């Protein structure tokens, strides 16, 4: 017997919803660009190199894409 709030051993997990996966992918892409773009903007302002902002955004996009491939590409 399980606790009232515990998992039910006879219940199968539901398959992932494709819409949830899409929102997760979009969130990774936006968060990667925002985080690394922000870091690039701050470093660019500090070092007087405005090119670091777009480079940071591209780096964030690349790292987010790698995370997406690692998480969802093997299923």
N, C-alpha and C. Protein backbone atom coordinates (compact mmCIF):
# COMPACT_ATOMS: atom_id res chain seq x y z
N UNK A 1 0.84 -1.18 0.00
CA UNK A 1 0.00 0.00 0.00
C UNK A 1 0.89 1.24 0.00
N UNK A 2 0.53 2.19 -0.81
CA UNK A 2 1.31 3.43 -0.90
C UNK A 2 0.65 4.53 -0.10
N UNK A 3 1.41 5.56 0.14
CA UNK A 3 0.85 6.71 0.85
C UNK A 3 -0.13 7.43 -0.07
N UNK A 4 -1.06 8.22 0.50
CA UNK A 4 -2.07 8.89 -0.33
C UNK A 4 -1.48 9.80 -1.41
N UNK A 5 -0.35 10.44 -1.14
CA UNK A 5 0.24 11.33 -2.13
C UNK A 5 1.34 10.69 -2.96
N UNK A 6 1.61 9.42 -2.72
CA UNK A 6 2.72 8.74 -3.39
C UNK A 6 2.35 8.24 -4.76
N UNK A 7 3.35 7.77 -5.50
CA UNK A 7 3.08 7.26 -6.85
C UNK A 7 2.35 5.92 -6.80
N UNK A 8 1.53 5.69 -7.78
CA UNK A 8 0.78 4.45 -7.91
C UNK A 8 1.61 3.49 -8.76
N UNK A 9 2.01 2.35 -8.21
CA UNK A 9 2.88 1.44 -8.98
C UNK A 9 2.19 0.80 -10.17
N UNK A 10 0.86 0.75 -10.19
CA UNK A 10 0.13 0.14 -11.31
C UNK A 10 -0.13 1.13 -12.44
N UNK A 11 0.13 2.39 -12.24
CA UNK A 11 -0.15 3.42 -13.24
C UNK A 11 1.05 3.62 -14.15
N UNK A 12 0.82 3.58 -15.45
CA UNK A 12 1.89 3.80 -16.42
C UNK A 12 2.08 5.29 -16.64
N UNK A 13 3.32 5.72 -16.85
CA UNK A 13 3.51 7.15 -17.14
C UNK A 13 2.94 7.50 -18.51
N UNK A 14 2.40 8.71 -18.59
CA UNK A 14 1.82 9.16 -19.86
C UNK A 14 2.93 9.55 -20.82
N UNK A 15 2.72 9.33 -22.13
CA UNK A 15 3.74 9.75 -23.10
C UNK A 15 3.83 11.28 -23.11
N UNK A 16 5.00 11.82 -23.45
CA UNK A 16 5.15 13.27 -23.44
C UNK A 16 4.28 13.93 -24.50
N UNK A 17 3.75 15.08 -24.15
CA UNK A 17 2.91 15.84 -25.06
C UNK A 17 3.82 16.61 -26.02
N UNK A 18 3.61 16.51 -27.34
CA UNK A 18 4.48 17.22 -28.28
C UNK A 18 4.48 18.73 -28.08
N UNK A 19 3.37 19.29 -27.62
CA UNK A 19 3.32 20.74 -27.37
C UNK A 19 4.24 21.11 -26.21
N UNK A 20 4.28 20.26 -25.19
CA UNK A 20 5.19 20.53 -24.06
C UNK A 20 6.64 20.48 -24.50
N UNK A 21 6.97 19.55 -25.37
CA UNK A 21 8.33 19.45 -25.89
C UNK A 21 8.68 20.69 -26.71
N UNK A 22 7.76 21.16 -27.51
CA UNK A 22 7.99 22.36 -28.31
C UNK A 22 8.23 23.59 -27.45
N UNK A 23 7.43 23.75 -26.39
CA UNK A 23 7.62 24.89 -25.50
C UNK A 23 8.95 24.79 -24.75
N UNK A 24 9.36 23.58 -24.41
CA UNK A 24 10.64 23.40 -23.73
C UNK A 24 11.78 23.79 -24.67
N UNK A 25 11.72 23.36 -25.91
CA UNK A 25 12.75 23.71 -26.90
C UNK A 25 12.81 25.22 -27.10
N UNK A 26 11.65 25.85 -27.26
CA UNK A 26 11.61 27.30 -27.42
C UNK A 26 12.19 28.01 -26.20
N UNK A 27 11.88 27.51 -25.02
CA UNK A 27 12.41 28.09 -23.80
C UNK A 27 13.93 27.99 -23.73
N UNK A 28 14.48 26.84 -24.11
CA UNK A 28 15.93 26.67 -24.14
C UNK A 28 16.57 27.68 -25.09
N UNK A 29 16.00 27.82 -26.28
CA UNK A 29 16.58 28.73 -27.27
C UNK A 29 16.54 30.18 -26.79
N UNK A 30 15.41 30.61 -26.28
CA UNK A 30 15.29 31.99 -25.81
C UNK A 30 16.16 32.26 -24.58
N UNK A 31 16.18 31.31 -23.66
CA UNK A 31 16.99 31.50 -22.46
C UNK A 31 18.48 31.52 -22.78
N UNK A 32 18.92 30.67 -23.69
CA UNK A 32 20.34 30.67 -24.08
C UNK A 32 20.75 31.97 -24.72
N UNK A 33 19.91 32.46 -25.62
CA UNK A 33 20.22 33.73 -26.28
C UNK A 33 20.18 34.89 -25.29
N UNK A 34 19.21 34.89 -24.39
CA UNK A 34 19.09 35.99 -23.42
C UNK A 34 20.25 35.97 -22.43
N UNK A 35 20.59 34.80 -21.92
CA UNK A 35 21.66 34.71 -20.92
C UNK A 35 23.01 35.10 -21.52
N UNK A 36 23.38 34.44 -22.59
CA UNK A 36 24.70 34.71 -23.16
C UNK A 36 24.74 36.03 -23.93
N UNK A 37 23.61 36.47 -24.46
CA UNK A 37 23.56 37.80 -25.05
C UNK A 37 23.72 38.87 -24.00
N UNK A 38 23.11 38.65 -22.83
CA UNK A 38 23.27 39.59 -21.72
C UNK A 38 24.70 39.63 -21.21
N UNK A 39 25.31 38.46 -21.09
CA UNK A 39 26.72 38.43 -20.67
C UNK A 39 27.59 39.12 -21.70
N UNK A 40 27.32 38.88 -22.99
CA UNK A 40 28.07 39.54 -24.05
C UNK A 40 27.88 41.04 -24.04
N UNK A 41 26.65 41.49 -23.77
CA UNK A 41 26.39 42.93 -23.71
C UNK A 41 27.14 43.58 -22.56
N UNK A 42 27.13 42.93 -21.40
CA UNK A 42 27.85 43.48 -20.25
C UNK A 42 29.36 43.50 -20.50
N UNK A 43 29.89 42.42 -21.02
CA UNK A 43 31.33 42.39 -21.32
C UNK A 43 31.68 43.38 -22.42
N UNK A 44 30.80 43.50 -23.41
CA UNK A 44 31.05 44.44 -24.50
C UNK A 44 31.06 45.88 -24.01
N UNK A 45 30.17 46.19 -23.08
CA UNK A 45 30.15 47.55 -22.53
C UNK A 45 31.39 47.81 -21.68
N UNK A 46 31.78 46.79 -20.90
CA UNK A 46 32.93 46.94 -20.01
C UNK A 46 34.24 47.03 -20.81
N UNK A 47 34.34 46.24 -21.89
CA UNK A 47 35.57 46.20 -22.68
C UNK A 47 35.51 47.12 -23.91
N UNK A 48 34.42 47.86 -24.08
CA UNK A 48 34.22 48.75 -25.23
C UNK A 48 34.35 47.98 -26.55
N UNK A 49 33.69 46.81 -26.58
CA UNK A 49 33.68 45.96 -27.77
C UNK A 49 32.23 45.55 -28.05
N UNK A 50 31.48 46.36 -28.80
CA UNK A 50 30.06 46.06 -29.00
C UNK A 50 29.81 44.76 -29.77
N UNK A 51 30.80 44.21 -30.39
CA UNK A 51 30.62 42.96 -31.14
C UNK A 51 30.39 41.76 -30.22
N UNK A 52 30.68 41.90 -28.94
CA UNK A 52 30.49 40.78 -28.02
C UNK A 52 29.02 40.45 -27.78
N UNK A 53 28.13 41.42 -27.96
CA UNK A 53 26.70 41.15 -27.78
C UNK A 53 26.18 40.14 -28.81
N UNK A 54 26.34 40.38 -30.11
CA UNK A 54 25.84 39.38 -31.06
C UNK A 54 26.61 38.05 -30.98
N UNK A 55 27.90 38.12 -30.64
CA UNK A 55 28.65 36.88 -30.48
C UNK A 55 28.13 36.08 -29.29
N UNK A 56 27.77 36.76 -28.23
CA UNK A 56 27.20 36.09 -27.07
C UNK A 56 25.86 35.45 -27.40
N UNK A 57 25.06 36.15 -28.19
CA UNK A 57 23.77 35.58 -28.58
C UNK A 57 23.95 34.33 -29.45
N UNK A 58 24.91 34.38 -30.36
CA UNK A 58 25.17 33.21 -31.20
C UNK A 58 25.73 32.04 -30.38
N UNK A 59 26.59 32.35 -29.42
CA UNK A 59 27.11 31.30 -28.54
C UNK A 59 25.98 30.67 -27.74
N UNK A 60 25.10 31.50 -27.19
CA UNK A 60 23.96 30.98 -26.44
C UNK A 60 23.04 30.14 -27.29
N UNK A 61 22.83 30.55 -28.53
CA UNK A 61 22.00 29.77 -29.44
C UNK A 61 22.64 28.42 -29.74
N UNK A 62 23.95 28.43 -29.94
CA UNK A 62 24.66 27.17 -30.21
C UNK A 62 24.63 26.22 -29.02
N UNK A 63 24.86 26.77 -27.82
CA UNK A 63 24.83 25.92 -26.63
C UNK A 63 23.42 25.39 -26.35
N UNK A 64 22.42 26.22 -26.58
CA UNK A 64 21.04 25.76 -26.40
C UNK A 64 20.70 24.67 -27.40
N UNK A 65 21.16 24.81 -28.62
CA UNK A 65 20.92 23.77 -29.63
C UNK A 65 21.60 22.47 -29.23
N UNK A 66 22.81 22.56 -28.69
CA UNK A 66 23.50 21.35 -28.23
C UNK A 66 22.73 20.70 -27.08
N UNK A 67 22.20 21.50 -26.15
CA UNK A 67 21.41 20.93 -25.06
C UNK A 67 20.15 20.25 -25.58
N UNK A 68 19.52 20.84 -26.56
CA UNK A 68 18.32 20.27 -27.14
C UNK A 68 18.63 18.93 -27.81
N UNK A 69 19.73 18.88 -28.54
CA UNK A 69 20.11 17.63 -29.22
C UNK A 69 20.44 16.56 -28.19
N UNK A 70 21.13 16.93 -27.12
CA UNK A 70 21.48 15.95 -26.09
C UNK A 70 20.22 15.43 -25.39
N UNK A 71 19.29 16.34 -25.09
CA UNK A 71 18.11 15.93 -24.34
C UNK A 71 17.07 15.22 -25.19
N UNK A 72 16.79 15.73 -26.39
CA UNK A 72 15.69 15.20 -27.19
C UNK A 72 16.12 14.43 -28.43
N UNK A 73 17.38 14.49 -28.80
CA UNK A 73 17.81 13.86 -30.03
C UNK A 73 18.00 12.37 -29.95
N UNK A 74 18.04 11.83 -28.77
CA UNK A 74 18.30 10.39 -28.62
C UNK A 74 17.06 9.58 -28.38
N UNK A 75 15.90 10.19 -28.44
CA UNK A 75 14.67 9.44 -28.17
C UNK A 75 14.05 8.87 -29.42
